[in-house]
Amino acid sequence: MDQPHTITVTVELDQALVDLAREQGIDLSDVANRALRRALSVRLDEGEASPVDETARVKREIDEEVAAYNEHVERHGLFSDAWRGF
């Protein structure tokens, strides 16, 4: 697998967090790369999805969750139904 072109950058991080990450064996470069991808809403590992594609994916996920919640409420009602006075 080819590695993407990388550059060395300087960032300022909390020393205690860096020490803890090193103790835990966490790869800070990997964490930074994944955080940037997420912050930019780009999933480079899935073929350069655009921010628009990522937004559409998130909207579909939310729509699915809302539909599942609504179905649950239809079947079982709301937890507060027993206390509702109207």
Protein backbone atom coordinates (compact mmCIF):
# COMPACT_ATOMS: atom_id res chain seq x y z
CA MET A 1 0.00 0.00 0.00
CA ASP A 2 1.48 3.34 -1.03
CA GLN A 3 1.83 5.92 1.69
CA PRO A 4 0.48 9.39 0.88
CA HIS A 5 3.00 12.20 0.74
CA THR A 6 3.62 13.40 4.28
CA ILE A 7 5.19 16.53 5.71
CA THR A 8 6.55 17.37 9.12
CA VAL A 9 4.65 20.09 10.99
CA THR A 10 5.00 21.67 14.39
CA VAL A 11 1.98 21.75 16.70
CA GLU A 12 1.57 22.72 20.31
CA LEU A 13 -0.05 20.10 22.53
CA ASP A 14 -0.66 19.73 26.24
CA GLN A 15 2.43 17.99 27.66
CA ALA A 16 0.38 15.80 30.01
CA LEU A 17 -1.76 14.56 27.10
CA VAL A 18 1.30 13.79 25.00
CA ASP A 19 2.91 11.88 27.88
CA LEU A 20 -0.27 9.89 28.48
CA ALA A 21 -0.64 9.13 24.76
CA ARG A 22 2.96 7.86 24.60
CA GLU A 23 2.39 5.68 27.69
CA GLN A 24 -0.67 4.21 25.98
CA GLY A 25 1.21 3.61 22.72
CA ILE A 26 -0.99 6.03 20.76
CA ASP A 27 0.40 7.18 17.41
CA LEU A 28 -0.01 10.96 17.49
CA SER A 29 0.49 11.30 13.74
CA ASP A 30 -2.31 8.81 13.12
CA VAL A 31 -4.60 10.59 15.56
CA ALA A 32 -3.87 13.96 13.96
CA ASN A 33 -4.50 12.63 10.44
CA ARG A 34 -7.81 11.05 11.44
CA ALA A 35 -8.89 14.18 13.31
CA LEU A 36 -8.13 16.37 10.30
CA ARG A 37 -10.05 14.06 7.98
CA ARG A 38 -13.02 14.16 10.31
CA ALA A 39 -12.81 17.91 10.80
CA LEU A 40 -12.71 18.41 7.05
CA SER A 41 -15.52 15.88 6.52
CA VAL A 42 -13.39 14.08 4.00
CA ARG A 43 -12.83 10.37 4.07
CA LEU A 44 -9.63 10.03 2.07
CA ASP A 45 -9.46 6.30 2.71
CA GLU A 46 -12.75 5.85 0.85
CA GLY A 47 -11.78 7.39 -2.46
CA GLU A 48 -11.66 11.13 -1.77
CA ALA A 49 -15.32 11.66 -0.87
CA SER A 50 -16.23 15.32 -1.11
CA PRO A 51 -17.67 17.29 1.82
CA VAL A 52 -21.00 17.23 -0.03
CA ASP A 53 -20.88 13.41 -0.14
CA GLU A 54 -20.05 13.29 3.57
CA THR A 55 -22.92 15.65 4.38
CA ALA A 56 -25.31 13.47 2.39
CA ARG A 57 -24.06 10.36 4.23
CA VAL A 58 -24.59 11.98 7.62
CA LYS A 59 -28.07 13.17 6.61
CA ARG A 60 -29.00 9.61 5.54
CA GLU A 61 -27.75 8.25 8.87
CA ILE A 62 -29.78 10.82 10.79
CA ASP A 63 -32.89 10.11 8.70
CA GLU A 64 -32.50 6.38 9.43
CA GLU A 65 -32.15 7.01 13.17
CA VAL A 66 -35.20 9.31 13.24
CA ALA A 67 -37.24 6.70 11.35
CA ALA A 68 -36.17 3.99 13.80
CA TYR A 69 -37.07 6.21 16.76
CA ASN A 70 -40.47 7.06 15.28
CA GLU A 71 -41.17 3.37 14.68
CA HIS A 72 -40.24 2.59 18.28
CA VAL A 73 -42.58 5.31 19.57
CA GLU A 74 -45.40 4.02 17.37
CA ARG A 75 -45.00 0.51 18.76
CA HIS A 76 -44.26 1.27 22.40
CA GLY A 77 -45.35 4.86 23.00
CA LEU A 78 -43.36 7.41 24.95
CA PHE A 79 -41.90 6.67 28.36
CA SER A 80 -43.89 9.62 29.72
CA ASP A 81 -47.30 8.46 28.45
CA ALA A 82 -48.31 7.16 31.88
CA TRP A 83 -47.86 10.62 33.43
CA ARG A 84 -49.31 12.71 30.64
CA GLY A 85 -52.58 14.39 31.64
CA PHE A 86 -53.90 15.22 28.16
